[in-house]
Protein backbone atom coordinates (compact mmCIF):
# COMPACT_ATOMS: atom_id res chain seq x y z
CA UNK A 1 -21.66 -10.07 82.62
CA UNK A 2 -23.61 -7.70 81.29
CA UNK A 3 -24.01 -7.66 77.48
CA UNK A 4 -23.11 -4.64 75.51
CA UNK A 5 -25.59 -2.88 73.28
CA UNK A 6 -25.37 -3.23 69.40
CA UNK A 7 -23.86 0.33 69.00
CA UNK A 8 -21.14 -0.44 71.68
CA UNK A 9 -20.28 -3.56 69.90
CA UNK A 10 -20.08 -1.77 66.40
CA UNK A 11 -17.85 0.96 67.97
CA UNK A 12 -15.56 -1.70 69.16
CA UNK A 13 -15.59 -3.34 65.84
CA UNK A 14 -14.92 -0.30 64.11
CA UNK A 15 -11.69 0.34 66.31
CA UNK A 16 -10.54 -3.35 65.67
CA UNK A 17 -11.03 -4.72 68.94
CA UNK A 18 -13.28 -7.56 67.44
CA UNK A 19 -11.54 -10.24 69.93
CA UNK A 20 -12.78 -8.22 72.84
CA UNK A 21 -16.23 -7.99 71.70
CA UNK A 22 -16.82 -11.48 71.16
CA UNK A 23 -15.53 -12.62 74.72
CA UNK A 24 -17.26 -9.62 76.07
CA UNK A 25 -20.52 -10.62 74.55
CA UNK A 26 -20.32 -14.48 75.24
CA UNK A 27 -20.09 -15.14 71.19
CA UNK A 28 -18.08 -18.05 70.38
CA UNK A 29 -14.80 -17.07 68.80
CA UNK A 30 -15.38 -19.34 65.77
CA UNK A 31 -18.38 -17.12 64.85
CA UNK A 32 -16.28 -13.83 64.81
CA UNK A 33 -14.27 -14.01 61.61
CA UNK A 34 -12.62 -11.14 60.22
CA UNK A 35 -13.36 -7.69 61.37
CA UNK A 36 -16.24 -5.81 59.04
CA UNK A 37 -15.18 -3.72 55.90
CA UNK A 38 -15.95 -0.68 58.14
CA UNK A 39 -12.82 -1.53 60.24
CA UNK A 40 -10.74 -1.06 57.24
CA UNK A 41 -10.76 2.86 56.06
CA UNK A 42 -11.91 3.11 52.59
CA UNK A 43 -9.56 4.76 49.76
CA UNK A 44 -9.88 7.75 47.85
CA UNK A 45 -8.40 8.87 44.30
CA UNK A 46 -7.73 12.44 44.09
CA UNK A 47 -6.58 15.05 41.64
CA UNK A 48 -5.02 17.76 43.37
CA UNK A 49 -3.20 21.28 41.88
CA UNK A 50 -0.03 22.71 43.11
CA UNK A 51 -2.25 25.02 45.00
CA UNK A 52 -4.05 22.41 47.05
CA UNK A 53 -7.15 22.45 45.00
CA UNK A 54 -9.04 19.54 45.08
CA UNK A 55 -10.37 18.80 41.25
CA UNK A 56 -11.58 15.02 41.84
CA UNK A 57 -12.10 13.05 44.98
CA UNK A 58 -13.95 9.60 44.56
CA UNK A 59 -14.14 6.65 46.57
CA UNK A 60 -12.05 3.58 45.23
CA UNK A 61 -12.67 0.33 47.21
CA UNK A 62 -10.20 -2.33 46.93
CA UNK A 63 -10.24 -3.95 43.55
CA UNK A 64 -11.70 -1.11 41.66
CA UNK A 65 -10.40 -0.03 38.33
CA UNK A 66 -10.16 3.14 36.50
CA UNK A 67 -8.22 4.65 33.52
CA UNK A 68 -6.67 7.87 32.71
CA UNK A 69 -7.60 8.89 29.20
CA UNK A 70 -6.49 11.63 26.91
CA UNK A 71 -6.19 12.31 23.14
CA UNK A 72 -3.01 12.10 21.55
CA UNK A 73 -1.38 15.65 20.92
CA UNK A 74 -0.55 14.71 17.34
CA UNK A 75 -2.78 12.11 16.11
CA UNK A 76 -5.79 13.04 18.21
CA UNK A 77 -7.02 9.27 19.10
CA UNK A 78 -7.46 8.29 22.76
CA UNK A 79 -4.81 6.96 24.82
CA UNK A 80 -5.49 4.99 28.22
CA UNK A 81 -3.53 4.20 31.14
CA UNK A 82 -5.55 1.87 33.54
CA UNK A 83 -5.15 1.52 37.18
CA UNK A 84 -6.12 -0.57 39.91
CA UNK A 85 -6.66 -0.28 43.91
CA UNK A 86 -4.93 -3.34 44.81
CA UNK A 87 -5.21 -3.69 48.33
CA UNK A 88 -4.48 0.18 48.70
CA UNK A 89 -1.64 0.40 46.37
CA UNK A 90 -2.07 2.40 43.13
CA UNK A 91 -0.97 -0.12 40.51
CA UNK A 92 -0.80 0.52 36.98
CA UNK A 93 -2.33 -2.64 35.48
CA UNK A 94 -2.37 -2.04 31.57
CA UNK A 95 -2.47 0.36 28.77
CA UNK A 96 -4.09 0.81 25.53
CA UNK A 97 -2.75 2.75 22.28
CA UNK A 98 -4.25 2.58 19.43
CA UNK A 99 -1.19 3.39 17.21
CA UNK A 100 2.54 3.41 17.40
CA UNK A 101 2.51 7.01 17.05
CA UNK A 102 4.90 9.65 18.49
CA UNK A 103 5.98 8.86 22.07
CA UNK A 104 3.77 5.46 21.93
CA UNK A 105 5.14 1.98 22.24
CA UNK A 106 5.79 -1.13 24.20
CA UNK A 107 8.74 -1.56 26.18
CA UNK A 108 9.94 -5.45 26.03
CA UNK A 109 9.57 -7.09 29.50
CA UNK A 110 6.79 -4.71 30.92
CA UNK A 111 3.71 -6.39 30.36
CA UNK A 112 2.56 -8.47 27.29
CA UNK A 113 1.53 -6.60 24.11
CA UNK A 114 -1.66 -8.01 22.34
CA UNK A 115 -3.66 -6.54 19.36
CA UNK A 116 -6.89 -5.09 20.11
CA UNK A 117 -8.17 -6.30 16.98
CA UNK A 118 -8.83 -2.86 15.60
CA UNK A 119 -5.19 -1.61 14.67
CA UNK A 120 -4.18 -0.94 18.07
CA UNK A 121 -2.97 -2.70 21.08
CA UNK A 122 -3.08 -3.50 24.70
CA UNK A 123 -0.40 -3.87 27.10
CA UNK A 124 -1.86 -6.08 29.66
CA UNK A 125 0.19 -7.23 32.73
CA UNK A 126 2.28 -4.28 33.50
CA UNK A 127 1.23 -4.81 37.29
CA UNK A 128 3.57 -2.12 38.59
CA UNK A 129 3.00 -0.17 41.96
CA UNK A 130 2.93 3.23 41.41
CA UNK A 131 5.54 4.94 43.87
CA UNK A 132 4.28 6.48 46.88
CA UNK A 133 0.65 5.85 45.48
CA UNK A 134 1.08 9.32 43.40
CA UNK A 135 2.19 10.57 40.31
CA UNK A 136 2.27 13.99 38.96
CA UNK A 137 0.64 14.78 35.57
CA UNK A 138 1.14 17.90 33.40
CA UNK A 139 -2.65 18.45 32.28
CA UNK A 140 -2.89 19.41 28.71
CA UNK A 141 -5.50 21.58 26.78
CA UNK A 142 -9.22 20.62 26.24
CA UNK A 143 -7.97 19.27 22.99
CA UNK A 144 -5.97 16.58 24.58
CA UNK A 145 -8.63 16.33 27.76
CA UNK A 146 -7.04 14.22 30.24
CA UNK A 147 -9.84 12.48 32.22
CA UNK A 148 -10.28 10.03 34.47
CA UNK A 149 -12.68 7.37 33.65
CA UNK A 150 -14.57 4.70 35.84
CA UNK A 151 -17.68 2.44 36.09
CA UNK A 152 -20.25 2.90 38.80
CA UNK A 153 -21.93 -0.16 38.65
CA UNK A 154 -23.39 0.12 35.05
CA UNK A 155 -22.57 4.09 34.48
CA UNK A 156 -19.59 5.04 32.71
CA UNK A 157 -18.25 8.34 34.80
CA UNK A 158 -15.77 10.74 33.76
CA UNK A 159 -14.04 13.97 35.33
CA UNK A 160 -12.33 16.00 32.80
CA UNK A 161 -9.15 17.37 34.52
CA UNK A 162 -8.38 19.61 31.50
CA UNK A 163 -11.67 21.19 31.71
CA UNK A 164 -10.58 22.45 35.19
CA UNK A 165 -6.78 22.81 35.21
CA UNK A 166 -5.22 23.09 31.53
CA UNK A 167 -1.56 23.67 31.54
CA UNK A 168 -1.05 23.01 35.32
CA UNK A 169 0.86 20.38 37.44
CA UNK A 170 -1.79 18.03 38.94
CA UNK A 171 -1.06 15.41 41.73
CA UNK A 172 -3.10 11.81 40.95
CA UNK A 173 -3.14 10.21 44.43
CA UNK A 174 -4.87 7.21 46.01
CA UNK A 175 -5.15 8.04 49.88
CA UNK A 176 -6.40 6.03 53.02
CA UNK A 177 -9.10 7.88 54.79
CA UNK A 178 -8.80 8.04 58.33
CA UNK A 179 -11.32 5.95 60.21
CA UNK A 180 -14.50 7.99 61.55
CA UNK A 181 -14.32 8.29 65.43
């Protein structure tokens, strides 16, 4: 039996036919292990306007965390809702609120409220999947500054939605990218 070249093996791996590859190459099945990460399409976090304009599009590997931050419209301090890609599910993990200002607070039974040590509090352990991996946000003015914040290695990254679409209805969504041919 003729062995396949490495490019052909990779194509087969990428299509999820890893058992066939190891049988055809003569490698023992025990050495196979799970298919490589390339076989699992990456996820992207996007912000899309009602007219379909893409405001943000970032790669979000499984386990990655990010926050939607904004300035409270009355008090002006920063509020955070923090999310995670949990195996392809957009999940609200926790929320930070520096005060019990208008509209803020903890709902009993929804996570655990703990002090942040500076007069505010975190609600940890919310761990709620967001329905259909998307939610709609009415983006605030630049004073409110709705922004998506994440870490890229040691760098803090930020995209201001308010700078691009103040007052607009924007869908925040976690999508699975189609595999490359």
